[in-house]
């Protein structure tokens, strides 16, 4: 059994209430901005959800402080329920609005289902917190009940029977994933991060099952099926091995050989046939043909391989410095960790400019590799398990308090989600003009540029701290300026970007997300690109 435990963190682990209120104010600014842009019954539901999440978040924070939560959550942050609760509903709203503007009815309804699903899982998390809070918070229960009643009433009269069943299916999967993964992975998530990550996985699993049961030849894009199968396959593989290694020692050679054999069996016997059923082609031949289809793709693959080699050399160099250091507890400085942000920016910019479909597939493959290597490290699979533990321990921070190291996976997700989430049929007919033309760059701007510059300048030159946080005013201001400069460079080098004088909205969106970076204690690599994506799409 390889699950690792550590004693609880000292103190309450909760930030000052001022920082929580500031974070809530930023989130409400985003919600009201989207509400003003959309202004329909669904956006009113989003406002109601935000109000009840704001009240319930304090109950979750109290549960974390008292150690009364059902599962072990990450203690170096607040619950994060409000910012996490609003991501899927707002994303669904802007997706619906964009697809409605180009007349794509299928994806318009899909956006409504995304919004309804996000509201359902958020309400479940709220009910869970209220159900285990003692004494029962009467006022918060009333507010949550009223908001939930309004949302359920509107959705009942807006969704078809099939769509209601789909939302309930996702909710059921979410409940079971919560019970399984939060037990197997203590202290890896805050309640908000669990809501965001597990809610997304639940939705993808349900979509994969739905499409597998209703697959029709030539229906759907193979790259979309590839993403669904890879993500769901890797998650199910992790659950399988976590359950298996409860009953056996994963650090032996026999277990390691069994791990590699079962990985091949699951990959060749489950994942590939599943993908073959969806795309009606040999998956390996399709992938090879896709990757080497054009000369541009070959150049990009060679370039990305060189950058991957550079990233490995950075890891080895930093570990060599630790070995020569007198202190064995030497940790990589902030600037050293941000090297990877620069490498990721250098990876994604050419992909967005020259071949976004290739970037879509390459990011999916990279995610699968990252998750597989994390399994090898976590289960101590020979011959690389112990080596990976030693190499990656240098780059740990307070967010990696659980048995898994997730920050590099979150970085990849934050950069890739703006590429993956926007329905390509709704990007035709000029629907991504104005600020929406920057949507594919949301990860690059928010994480690759904004978060990196804020961290470096804030830690080296920052003196004026935002109230209740360690973040600095100087870091936030330089972050906004750096993103503005990046937008100007995108206008120069990407001829497909036409902002149509939407500069004020772009500046406001960048500033709001930079303020969220200053105040949030959640995983910013994941949260910031999603909020910038939502604002730019609106």
Protein backbone atom coordinates (compact mmCIF):
# COMPACT_ATOMS: atom_id res chain seq x y z
CA UNK A 1 0.00 0.00 0.00
CA UNK A 2 1.56 3.27 -1.12
CA UNK A 3 -0.81 5.91 0.14
CA UNK A 4 1.23 8.43 2.12
CA UNK A 5 0.04 10.21 5.22
CA UNK A 6 1.39 13.21 7.04
CA UNK A 7 0.27 14.84 10.25
CA UNK A 8 -2.25 17.63 9.88
CA UNK A 9 -0.87 21.07 9.23
CA UNK A 10 -0.63 23.30 12.22
CA UNK A 11 -3.05 26.14 12.54
CA UNK A 12 -6.26 26.57 10.69
CA UNK A 13 -4.76 26.93 7.24
CA UNK A 14 -7.34 29.60 6.38
CA UNK A 15 -6.37 33.00 4.98
CA UNK A 16 -7.54 36.28 6.43
CA UNK A 17 -11.21 37.01 5.85
CA UNK A 18 -10.26 40.17 3.94
CA UNK A 19 -8.54 38.16 1.22
CA UNK A 20 -11.51 35.81 0.98
CA UNK A 21 -13.87 38.79 0.56
CA UNK A 22 -11.58 40.31 -2.09
CA UNK A 23 -11.50 37.01 -3.99
CA UNK A 24 -15.30 36.85 -3.76
CA UNK A 25 -15.58 40.42 -5.04
CA UNK A 26 -13.47 39.55 -8.09
CA UNK A 27 -15.56 36.46 -8.81
CA UNK A 28 -18.80 38.45 -8.47
CA UNK A 29 -17.36 41.04 -10.89
CA UNK A 30 -16.88 38.25 -13.44
CA UNK A 31 -20.34 36.79 -12.81
CA UNK A 32 -22.06 40.18 -13.18
CA UNK A 33 -20.05 40.94 -16.32
CA UNK A 34 -21.20 37.69 -17.92
CA UNK A 35 -24.75 38.32 -16.66
CA UNK A 36 -24.75 41.76 -18.33
CA UNK A 37 -23.42 40.29 -21.58
CA UNK A 38 -25.85 37.35 -21.71
CA UNK A 39 -28.86 38.59 -19.69
CA UNK A 40 -31.22 35.64 -19.83
CA UNK A 41 -32.80 33.25 -17.34
CA UNK A 42 -29.64 31.11 -17.26
CA UNK A 43 -27.45 34.06 -16.29
CA UNK A 44 -29.90 34.85 -13.47
CA UNK A 45 -29.39 31.26 -12.29
CA UNK A 46 -25.63 31.90 -12.29
CA UNK A 47 -26.10 34.97 -10.09
CA UNK A 48 -28.25 32.95 -7.66
CA UNK A 49 -25.65 30.17 -7.59
CA UNK A 50 -22.88 32.67 -6.83
CA UNK A 51 -24.81 34.17 -3.90
CA UNK A 52 -25.46 30.78 -2.27
CA UNK A 53 -21.88 29.60 -2.95
CA UNK A 54 -20.55 32.73 -1.22
CA UNK A 55 -22.45 31.86 1.97
CA UNK A 56 -21.72 28.14 1.86
CA UNK A 57 -18.01 28.78 1.29
CA UNK A 58 -17.72 30.06 4.87
CA UNK A 59 -19.24 26.82 6.15
CA UNK A 60 -16.67 24.82 4.20
CA UNK A 61 -13.89 27.05 5.60
CA UNK A 62 -15.10 26.43 9.13
CA UNK A 63 -15.23 22.67 8.51
CA UNK A 64 -11.64 22.74 7.26
CA UNK A 65 -10.50 24.76 10.28
CA UNK A 66 -12.18 22.35 12.71
CA UNK A 67 -11.05 19.23 10.83
CA UNK A 68 -14.70 18.17 10.50
CA UNK A 69 -14.78 17.68 6.72
CA UNK A 70 -15.63 14.19 5.50
CA UNK A 71 -12.32 13.84 3.63
CA UNK A 72 -8.80 15.20 4.11
CA UNK A 73 -8.45 18.37 2.01
CA UNK A 74 -5.46 20.58 1.27
CA UNK A 75 -4.92 22.79 4.31
CA UNK A 76 -2.81 25.64 2.88
CA UNK A 77 -5.83 27.30 1.26
CA UNK A 78 -9.44 28.20 1.87
CA UNK A 79 -12.20 25.98 0.48
CA UNK A 80 -12.42 27.87 -2.82
CA UNK A 81 -16.04 26.87 -3.34
CA UNK A 82 -17.18 30.16 -4.88
CA UNK A 83 -14.59 30.53 -7.69
CA UNK A 84 -14.76 26.82 -8.53
CA UNK A 85 -18.58 26.68 -8.50
CA UNK A 86 -18.87 29.35 -11.17
CA UNK A 87 -16.48 27.97 -13.80
CA UNK A 88 -18.68 25.36 -15.49
CA UNK A 89 -21.91 27.43 -15.37
CA UNK A 90 -20.22 30.52 -16.80
CA UNK A 91 -18.38 28.47 -19.40
CA UNK A 92 -21.66 26.90 -20.48
CA UNK A 93 -23.32 30.31 -20.72
CA UNK A 94 -20.67 31.87 -22.96
CA UNK A 95 -20.50 28.69 -25.05
CA UNK A 96 -24.28 28.83 -25.55
CA UNK A 97 -24.12 32.48 -26.49
CA UNK A 98 -21.34 32.02 -29.06
CA UNK A 99 -22.93 28.98 -30.70
CA UNK A 100 -26.32 30.69 -30.76
CA UNK A 101 -24.78 33.62 -32.62
CA UNK A 102 -23.60 31.34 -35.45
CA UNK A 103 -26.81 29.31 -35.52
CA UNK A 104 -25.36 26.04 -34.24
CA UNK A 105 -28.31 24.60 -32.34
CA UNK A 106 -26.56 21.40 -31.24
CA UNK A 107 -23.72 23.18 -29.43
CA UNK A 108 -26.10 25.84 -28.14
CA UNK A 109 -28.01 23.11 -26.30
CA UNK A 110 -24.69 21.54 -25.31
CA UNK A 111 -23.68 24.81 -23.63
CA UNK A 112 -26.94 24.84 -21.66
CA UNK A 113 -26.26 21.27 -20.50
CA UNK A 114 -22.74 22.27 -19.43
CA UNK A 115 -24.15 25.19 -17.41
CA UNK A 116 -26.88 23.04 -15.82
CA UNK A 117 -24.36 20.31 -14.95
CA UNK A 118 -22.01 22.82 -13.34
CA UNK A 119 -24.86 24.20 -11.23
CA UNK A 120 -25.92 20.68 -10.20
CA UNK A 121 -22.48 19.60 -8.95
CA UNK A 122 -21.99 22.96 -7.21
CA UNK A 123 -25.32 22.60 -5.40
CA UNK A 124 -24.35 19.07 -4.36
CA UNK A 125 -21.10 20.36 -2.81
CA UNK A 126 -23.11 23.01 -0.97
CA UNK A 127 -25.61 20.47 0.35
CA UNK A 128 -22.71 18.28 1.51
CA UNK A 129 -21.19 21.14 3.50
CA UNK A 130 -24.51 22.15 5.05
CA UNK A 131 -25.36 18.55 5.90
CA UNK A 132 -22.24 17.97 8.00
CA UNK A 133 -22.12 21.41 9.65
CA UNK A 134 -23.13 21.41 13.31
CA UNK A 135 -25.13 23.23 14.50
CA UNK A 136 -27.21 23.40 11.33
CA UNK A 137 -26.72 26.89 9.76
CA UNK A 138 -30.38 27.89 9.37
CA UNK A 139 -29.86 31.18 7.50
CA UNK A 140 -27.41 29.67 5.01
CA UNK A 141 -29.72 26.70 4.47
CA UNK A 142 -32.57 29.09 3.63
CA UNK A 143 -30.42 31.05 1.15
CA UNK A 144 -29.06 27.88 -0.44
CA UNK A 145 -32.55 26.37 -0.61
CA UNK A 146 -34.02 29.45 -2.30
CA UNK A 147 -31.19 29.63 -4.84
CA UNK A 148 -31.38 25.90 -5.49
CA UNK A 149 -35.16 26.08 -5.89
CA UNK A 150 -34.92 28.89 -8.46
CA UNK A 151 -32.22 27.03 -10.42
CA UNK A 152 -34.09 23.71 -10.40
CA UNK A 153 -37.36 25.39 -11.43
CA UNK A 154 -35.78 27.23 -14.38
CA UNK A 155 -33.80 24.20 -15.54
CA UNK A 156 -36.86 21.96 -15.25
CA UNK A 157 -38.69 24.18 -17.72
CA UNK A 158 -35.65 24.66 -19.99
CA UNK A 159 -34.14 21.19 -20.42
CA UNK A 160 -35.56 18.26 -22.32
CA UNK A 161 -36.03 14.92 -20.58
CA UNK A 162 -32.88 13.57 -22.19
CA UNK A 163 -30.86 16.59 -21.04
CA UNK A 164 -32.17 16.24 -17.47
CA UNK A 165 -31.13 12.58 -17.47
CA UNK A 166 -27.69 13.58 -18.77
CA UNK A 167 -27.24 16.10 -15.94
CA UNK A 168 -28.30 13.49 -13.36
CA UNK A 169 -25.88 10.95 -14.85
CA UNK A 170 -22.98 13.37 -14.48
CA UNK A 171 -24.04 14.15 -10.91
CA UNK A 172 -24.10 10.44 -10.06
CA UNK A 173 -20.63 9.89 -11.55
CA UNK A 174 -19.39 12.96 -9.65
CA UNK A 175 -20.66 11.59 -6.33
CA UNK A 176 -18.91 8.25 -6.82
CA UNK A 177 -15.67 9.84 -8.04
CA UNK A 178 -15.69 12.09 -4.97
CA UNK A 179 -15.99 9.12 -2.63
CA UNK A 180 -13.28 7.12 -4.42
CA UNK A 181 -10.63 9.70 -5.33
CA UNK A 182 -10.86 11.90 -2.24
CA UNK A 183 -10.37 8.78 -0.10
CA UNK A 184 -7.46 7.50 -2.18
CA UNK A 185 -5.81 10.94 -2.52
CA UNK A 186 -5.95 12.82 0.81
CA UNK A 187 -4.82 16.46 0.91
CA UNK A 188 -4.47 16.73 -2.88
CA UNK A 189 -7.43 19.08 -3.37
CA UNK A 190 -9.38 21.81 -1.69
CA UNK A 191 -13.18 21.35 -1.88
CA UNK A 192 -13.25 23.85 -4.75
CA UNK A 193 -10.45 22.13 -6.67
CA UNK A 194 -12.16 18.77 -6.18
CA UNK A 195 -15.39 20.28 -7.52
CA UNK A 196 -13.63 21.67 -10.58
CA UNK A 197 -11.40 18.70 -11.42
CA UNK A 198 -13.78 15.86 -10.58
CA UNK A 199 -16.73 17.70 -12.11
CA UNK A 200 -14.82 18.02 -15.38
CA UNK A 201 -13.77 14.35 -15.34
CA UNK A 202 -17.35 13.27 -14.58
CA UNK A 203 -18.68 15.28 -17.51
CA UNK A 204 -16.05 13.83 -19.88
CA UNK A 205 -16.76 10.27 -18.73
CA UNK A 206 -20.47 10.74 -19.31
CA UNK A 207 -19.84 12.25 -22.76
CA UNK A 208 -17.62 9.31 -23.69
CA UNK A 209 -20.23 6.77 -22.59
CA UNK A 210 -22.98 8.67 -24.43
CA UNK A 211 -20.99 8.91 -27.67
CA UNK A 212 -19.88 5.28 -27.45
CA UNK A 213 -23.49 4.14 -27.24
CA UNK A 214 -24.72 6.39 -30.05
CA UNK A 215 -21.68 6.34 -32.34
CA UNK A 216 -22.43 6.77 -36.04
CA UNK A 217 -19.85 6.52 -38.78
CA UNK A 218 -18.26 9.87 -39.66
CA UNK A 219 -19.97 11.55 -36.69
CA UNK A 220 -17.68 13.73 -34.61
CA UNK A 221 -14.06 14.76 -34.95
CA UNK A 222 -11.45 12.05 -34.21
CA UNK A 223 -9.32 14.50 -32.20
CA UNK A 224 -12.24 15.10 -29.82
CA UNK A 225 -12.72 11.36 -29.33
CA UNK A 226 -8.97 11.02 -28.80
CA UNK A 227 -9.03 13.52 -25.93
CA UNK A 228 -12.05 11.88 -24.27
CA UNK A 229 -10.66 8.34 -24.48
CA UNK A 230 -7.16 9.30 -23.30
CA UNK A 231 -8.31 11.32 -20.27
CA UNK A 232 -10.95 8.82 -19.14
CA UNK A 233 -8.60 5.89 -19.79
CA UNK A 234 -5.83 7.39 -17.67
CA UNK A 235 -8.22 8.17 -14.79
CA UNK A 236 -9.69 4.66 -14.81
CA UNK A 237 -6.18 3.21 -14.96
CA UNK A 238 -5.23 5.20 -11.87
CA UNK A 239 -8.30 4.03 -9.95
CA UNK A 240 -7.55 0.42 -10.94
CA UNK A 241 -3.93 0.50 -9.78
CA UNK A 242 -4.75 2.46 -6.60
CA UNK A 243 -7.25 -0.21 -5.62
CA UNK A 244 -4.89 -3.03 -6.58
CA UNK A 245 -1.88 -1.71 -4.69
CA UNK A 246 -3.90 -1.41 -1.49
CA UNK A 247 -3.47 -5.18 -1.25
CA UNK A 248 0.13 -5.50 -2.45
CA UNK A 249 3.45 -3.67 -2.19
CA UNK A 250 3.94 -1.62 -5.35
CA UNK A 251 7.66 -1.07 -4.77
CA UNK A 252 8.84 -4.59 -5.62
CA UNK A 253 10.10 -5.74 -9.01
CA UNK A 254 7.24 -8.23 -9.31
CA UNK A 255 4.67 -5.46 -8.79
CA UNK A 256 6.51 -3.21 -11.22
CA UNK A 257 6.52 -5.86 -13.95
CA UNK A 258 2.83 -6.48 -13.30
CA UNK A 259 2.16 -2.71 -13.53
CA UNK A 260 3.82 -2.44 -16.94
CA UNK A 261 2.11 -5.58 -18.25
CA UNK A 262 -1.32 -4.42 -17.08
CA UNK A 263 -0.69 -0.98 -18.59
CA UNK A 264 -0.09 -2.67 -21.95
CA UNK A 265 -3.16 -4.86 -21.51
CA UNK A 266 -5.39 -1.89 -20.62
CA UNK A 267 -3.94 0.24 -23.41
CA UNK A 268 -4.06 -2.37 -26.17
CA UNK A 269 -7.12 -4.24 -24.94
CA UNK A 270 -9.39 -1.42 -23.76
CA UNK A 271 -8.28 2.08 -24.80
CA UNK A 272 -7.32 1.36 -28.42
CA UNK A 273 -10.43 -0.75 -29.20
CA UNK A 274 -12.59 1.90 -27.57
CA UNK A 275 -10.99 4.60 -29.72
CA UNK A 276 -11.28 2.39 -32.81
CA UNK A 277 -15.03 2.05 -32.24
CA UNK A 278 -15.41 5.83 -32.09
CA UNK A 279 -13.24 6.92 -35.04
CA UNK A 280 -13.78 3.78 -37.19
CA UNK A 281 -10.05 3.69 -38.04
CA UNK A 282 -6.94 2.00 -36.70
CA UNK A 283 -5.99 4.45 -33.91
CA UNK A 284 -2.22 3.98 -34.22
CA UNK A 285 -2.20 4.38 -37.99
CA UNK A 286 -4.52 7.38 -37.74
CA UNK A 287 -2.26 9.01 -35.13
CA UNK A 288 0.94 8.45 -37.13
CA UNK A 289 -0.68 9.76 -40.30
CA UNK A 290 -2.04 12.76 -38.41
CA UNK A 291 1.27 13.69 -36.76
CA UNK A 292 3.37 13.50 -39.94
CA UNK A 293 0.75 14.76 -42.38
CA UNK A 294 2.54 17.98 -43.36
CA UNK A 295 6.05 19.37 -43.34
CA UNK A 296 4.99 22.06 -40.86
CA UNK A 297 3.91 19.39 -38.38
CA UNK A 298 7.25 17.62 -38.66
CA UNK A 299 9.10 20.87 -37.94
CA UNK A 300 6.85 21.57 -34.95
CA UNK A 301 7.37 18.06 -33.54
CA UNK A 302 11.16 18.40 -33.84
CA UNK A 303 11.02 21.84 -32.19
CA UNK A 304 8.84 20.55 -29.34
CA UNK A 305 11.17 17.58 -28.83
CA UNK A 306 14.07 19.99 -28.38
CA UNK A 307 12.08 21.99 -25.82
CA UNK A 308 11.18 18.79 -23.94
CA UNK A 309 14.88 17.91 -23.84
CA UNK A 310 15.64 21.39 -22.51
CA UNK A 311 13.05 20.96 -19.74
CA UNK A 312 14.65 17.65 -18.72
CA UNK A 313 18.07 19.32 -18.65
CA UNK A 314 16.70 22.07 -16.38
CA UNK A 315 15.45 19.42 -13.93
CA UNK A 316 18.80 17.61 -13.97
CA UNK A 317 20.75 20.87 -13.56
CA UNK A 318 18.68 22.02 -10.59
CA UNK A 319 19.09 18.63 -8.94
CA UNK A 320 22.84 18.76 -9.54
CA UNK A 321 22.89 22.13 -7.75
CA UNK A 322 20.99 20.57 -4.84
CA UNK A 323 23.49 17.71 -4.65
CA UNK A 324 26.37 20.17 -4.41
CA UNK A 325 24.51 22.34 -1.89
CA UNK A 326 25.31 21.98 1.79
CA UNK A 327 21.61 21.96 2.68
CA UNK A 328 19.83 18.75 1.73
CA UNK A 329 16.50 20.57 2.02
CA UNK A 330 17.43 22.90 -0.81
CA UNK A 331 14.37 23.86 -2.88
CA UNK A 332 14.34 25.36 -6.35
CA UNK A 333 13.79 29.15 -6.21
CA UNK A 334 10.71 30.74 -7.73
CA UNK A 335 12.58 31.88 -10.83
CA UNK A 336 13.88 28.35 -11.45
CA UNK A 337 10.33 26.95 -11.28
CA UNK A 338 9.16 29.61 -13.72
CA UNK A 339 11.65 28.36 -16.31
CA UNK A 340 9.03 25.76 -17.15
CA UNK A 341 6.46 28.49 -17.74
CA UNK A 342 8.76 30.09 -20.30
CA UNK A 343 9.33 26.71 -21.97
CA UNK A 344 5.59 26.06 -22.12
CA UNK A 345 4.97 29.49 -23.67
CA UNK A 346 7.64 28.76 -26.26
CA UNK A 347 5.85 25.46 -26.93
CA UNK A 348 2.30 26.75 -27.30
CA UNK A 349 2.81 29.98 -29.27
CA UNK A 350 4.06 28.28 -32.48
CA UNK A 351 1.35 25.62 -32.15
CA UNK A 352 -1.40 28.23 -31.91
CA UNK A 353 0.05 30.21 -34.81
CA UNK A 354 0.74 27.38 -37.27
CA UNK A 355 -1.34 24.28 -36.39
CA UNK A 356 -3.87 24.34 -33.54
CA UNK A 357 -5.21 20.89 -34.34
CA UNK A 358 -1.74 19.39 -33.96
CA UNK A 359 -1.32 21.30 -30.68
CA UNK A 360 -4.67 19.86 -29.53
CA UNK A 361 -3.49 16.27 -30.09
CA UNK A 362 0.08 16.86 -28.88
CA UNK A 363 -1.19 18.38 -25.61
CA UNK A 364 -3.42 15.32 -25.12
CA UNK A 365 -0.44 12.98 -25.60
CA UNK A 366 1.67 15.08 -23.24
CA UNK A 367 -1.08 14.96 -20.59
CA UNK A 368 -1.18 11.15 -20.84
CA UNK A 369 2.62 10.98 -20.46
CA UNK A 370 2.56 13.30 -17.42
CA UNK A 371 -0.17 11.27 -15.71
CA UNK A 372 1.58 7.98 -16.46
CA UNK A 373 4.89 9.26 -15.05
CA UNK A 374 3.06 10.47 -11.95
CA UNK A 375 1.65 6.96 -11.49
CA UNK A 376 5.18 5.57 -11.80
CA UNK A 377 6.45 8.06 -9.21
CA UNK A 378 3.52 7.67 -6.81
CA UNK A 379 3.51 3.85 -6.85
CA UNK A 380 7.35 3.70 -6.82
CA UNK A 381 7.35 1.59 -9.97
CA UNK A 382 10.82 0.36 -10.91
CA UNK A 383 13.10 1.35 -12.52
CA UNK A 384 12.10 5.06 -12.61
CA UNK A 385 9.85 5.48 -9.56
CA UNK A 386 12.46 6.40 -6.95
CA UNK A 387 14.42 8.51 -9.45
CA UNK A 388 11.35 10.58 -10.30
CA UNK A 389 10.58 11.06 -6.60
CA UNK A 390 14.05 12.45 -6.03
CA UNK A 391 14.12 14.67 -9.11
CA UNK A 392 10.66 16.20 -8.68
CA UNK A 393 10.87 16.74 -4.91
CA UNK A 394 13.06 19.76 -5.63
CA UNK A 395 10.16 21.60 -7.26
CA UNK A 396 7.52 20.99 -4.58
CA UNK A 397 5.67 23.89 -2.97
CA UNK A 398 2.91 24.25 -0.39
CA UNK A 399 0.26 23.20 -2.92
CA UNK A 400 1.80 19.73 -3.24
CA UNK A 401 0.84 18.68 0.29
CA UNK A 402 -0.78 15.40 -0.73
CA UNK A 403 0.70 12.18 -2.09
CA UNK A 404 0.44 13.38 -5.71
CA UNK A 405 2.50 16.10 -7.42
CA UNK A 406 -0.04 17.91 -9.60
CA UNK A 407 1.33 21.40 -10.27
CA UNK A 408 3.01 20.48 -13.57
CA UNK A 409 -0.17 18.70 -14.71
CA UNK A 410 -2.22 21.76 -13.76
CA UNK A 411 0.20 23.93 -15.77
CA UNK A 412 -0.34 21.76 -18.84
CA UNK A 413 -4.12 21.80 -18.31
CA UNK A 414 -4.19 25.57 -17.88
CA UNK A 415 -2.39 26.09 -21.17
CA UNK A 416 -4.42 23.45 -23.04
CA UNK A 417 -7.99 24.02 -21.83
CA UNK A 418 -8.53 27.13 -24.01
CA UNK A 419 -7.54 24.97 -27.00
CA UNK A 420 -9.70 22.01 -25.98
CA UNK A 421 -12.88 23.66 -24.68
CA UNK A 422 -14.01 25.93 -27.50
CA UNK A 423 -16.29 24.00 -29.90
CA UNK A 424 -14.63 24.33 -33.30
CA UNK A 425 -17.95 24.44 -35.24
CA UNK A 426 -18.77 27.62 -33.32
CA UNK A 427 -15.50 29.31 -34.27
CA UNK A 428 -16.48 29.65 -37.91
CA UNK A 429 -18.23 32.52 -39.68
CA UNK A 430 -16.15 35.13 -37.85
CA UNK A 431 -17.64 34.31 -34.45
CA UNK A 432 -14.22 34.68 -32.84
CA UNK A 433 -13.73 38.28 -33.79
CA UNK A 434 -12.86 41.02 -31.31
CA UNK A 435 -11.70 39.90 -27.87
CA UNK A 436 -12.81 36.35 -28.68
CA UNK A 437 -9.93 36.10 -31.15
CA UNK A 438 -7.63 35.88 -28.12
CA UNK A 439 -9.44 32.85 -26.64
CA UNK A 440 -6.80 30.30 -27.78
CA UNK A 441 -4.17 32.48 -26.11
CA UNK A 442 -5.97 32.62 -22.74
CA UNK A 443 -3.63 30.07 -21.14
CA UNK A 444 -0.54 31.74 -22.55
CA UNK A 445 -1.64 35.16 -21.30
CA UNK A 446 -2.97 34.20 -17.85
CA UNK A 447 -0.41 31.57 -16.81
CA UNK A 448 2.51 31.69 -19.24
CA UNK A 449 2.91 35.46 -19.09
CA UNK A 450 0.77 36.96 -16.31
CA UNK A 451 1.36 34.50 -13.48
CA UNK A 452 5.05 34.14 -14.35
CA UNK A 453 5.77 37.87 -14.44
CA UNK A 454 3.72 38.51 -11.28
CA UNK A 455 5.64 35.81 -9.41
CA UNK A 456 9.09 36.89 -10.54
CA UNK A 457 8.67 40.65 -10.10
CA UNK A 458 6.56 40.28 -6.96
CA UNK A 459 9.13 38.05 -5.24
CA UNK A 460 12.17 40.12 -6.28
CA UNK A 461 10.97 43.73 -6.24
CA UNK A 462 7.56 43.76 -4.59
CA UNK A 463 7.14 45.82 -1.41
CA UNK A 464 3.45 46.76 -1.24
CA UNK A 465 1.38 43.69 -0.33
CA UNK A 466 -2.26 43.25 -1.14
CA UNK A 467 -4.17 43.11 2.17
CA UNK A 468 -4.25 39.62 3.67
CA UNK A 469 -1.97 38.01 1.06
CA UNK A 470 1.70 37.48 0.23
CA UNK A 471 1.13 38.82 -3.29
CA UNK A 472 2.32 42.33 -4.11
CA UNK A 473 0.89 45.31 -5.93
CA UNK A 474 4.04 45.57 -8.07
CA UNK A 475 3.69 41.97 -9.19
CA UNK A 476 0.07 42.47 -10.25
CA UNK A 477 0.76 45.70 -12.14
CA UNK A 478 3.72 44.25 -14.03
CA UNK A 479 1.58 41.20 -14.81
CA UNK A 480 -1.09 43.39 -16.44
CA UNK A 481 1.52 45.34 -18.44
CA UNK A 482 3.23 42.14 -19.59
CA UNK A 483 -0.07 40.71 -20.83
CA UNK A 484 -0.90 43.93 -22.68
CA UNK A 485 2.49 43.80 -24.40
CA UNK A 486 1.84 40.14 -25.25
CA UNK A 487 -1.51 41.06 -26.84
CA UNK A 488 0.29 43.67 -28.95
CA UNK A 489 2.81 41.04 -30.09
CA UNK A 490 -0.01 38.61 -30.91
CA UNK A 491 -1.59 41.32 -33.10
CA UNK A 492 1.71 41.70 -34.96
CA UNK A 493 2.50 38.02 -35.53
CA UNK A 494 -0.99 36.46 -35.83
CA UNK A 495 -2.76 37.90 -38.86
CA UNK A 496 -5.95 36.06 -37.91
CA UNK A 497 -6.47 38.18 -34.79
CA UNK A 498 -8.66 41.26 -35.26
CA UNK A 499 -9.68 42.88 -31.98
CA UNK A 500 -12.26 45.24 -33.57
CA UNK A 501 -11.64 47.99 -31.02
CA UNK A 502 -12.56 45.75 -28.06
CA UNK A 503 -9.50 47.00 -26.17
CA UNK A 504 -11.39 48.16 -23.07
CA UNK A 505 -12.95 44.71 -22.55
CA UNK A 506 -9.57 43.01 -23.03
CA UNK A 507 -7.89 45.36 -20.54
CA UNK A 508 -10.69 44.83 -18.02
CA UNK A 509 -10.57 41.06 -18.43
CA UNK A 510 -6.80 40.92 -17.96
CA UNK A 511 -6.99 43.22 -14.91
CA UNK A 512 -9.77 41.19 -13.24
CA UNK A 513 -7.92 37.90 -13.75
CA UNK A 514 -4.70 39.45 -12.44
CA UNK A 515 -6.56 40.53 -9.29
CA UNK A 516 -7.90 37.00 -8.95
CA UNK A 517 -4.30 35.74 -9.14
CA UNK A 518 -3.38 38.09 -6.32
CA UNK A 519 -6.13 36.94 -3.96
CA UNK A 520 -6.94 33.33 -4.73
CA UNK A 521 -5.37 30.48 -2.76
CA UNK A 522 -6.55 27.87 -5.26
CA UNK A 523 -4.40 26.39 -8.03
CA UNK A 524 -3.89 29.47 -10.20
CA UNK A 525 -2.47 27.45 -13.11
CA UNK A 526 -5.93 25.95 -13.54
CA UNK A 527 -8.28 28.71 -12.39
CA UNK A 528 -6.85 31.79 -14.12
CA UNK A 529 -6.96 30.54 -17.74
CA UNK A 530 -10.55 29.39 -17.29
CA UNK A 531 -11.71 32.77 -16.02
CA UNK A 532 -9.83 34.64 -18.75
CA UNK A 533 -11.30 32.24 -21.32
CA UNK A 534 -14.81 32.95 -20.01
CA UNK A 535 -14.34 36.73 -20.08
CA UNK A 536 -12.82 36.76 -23.58
CA UNK A 537 -15.56 34.48 -24.93
CA UNK A 538 -18.24 36.82 -23.58
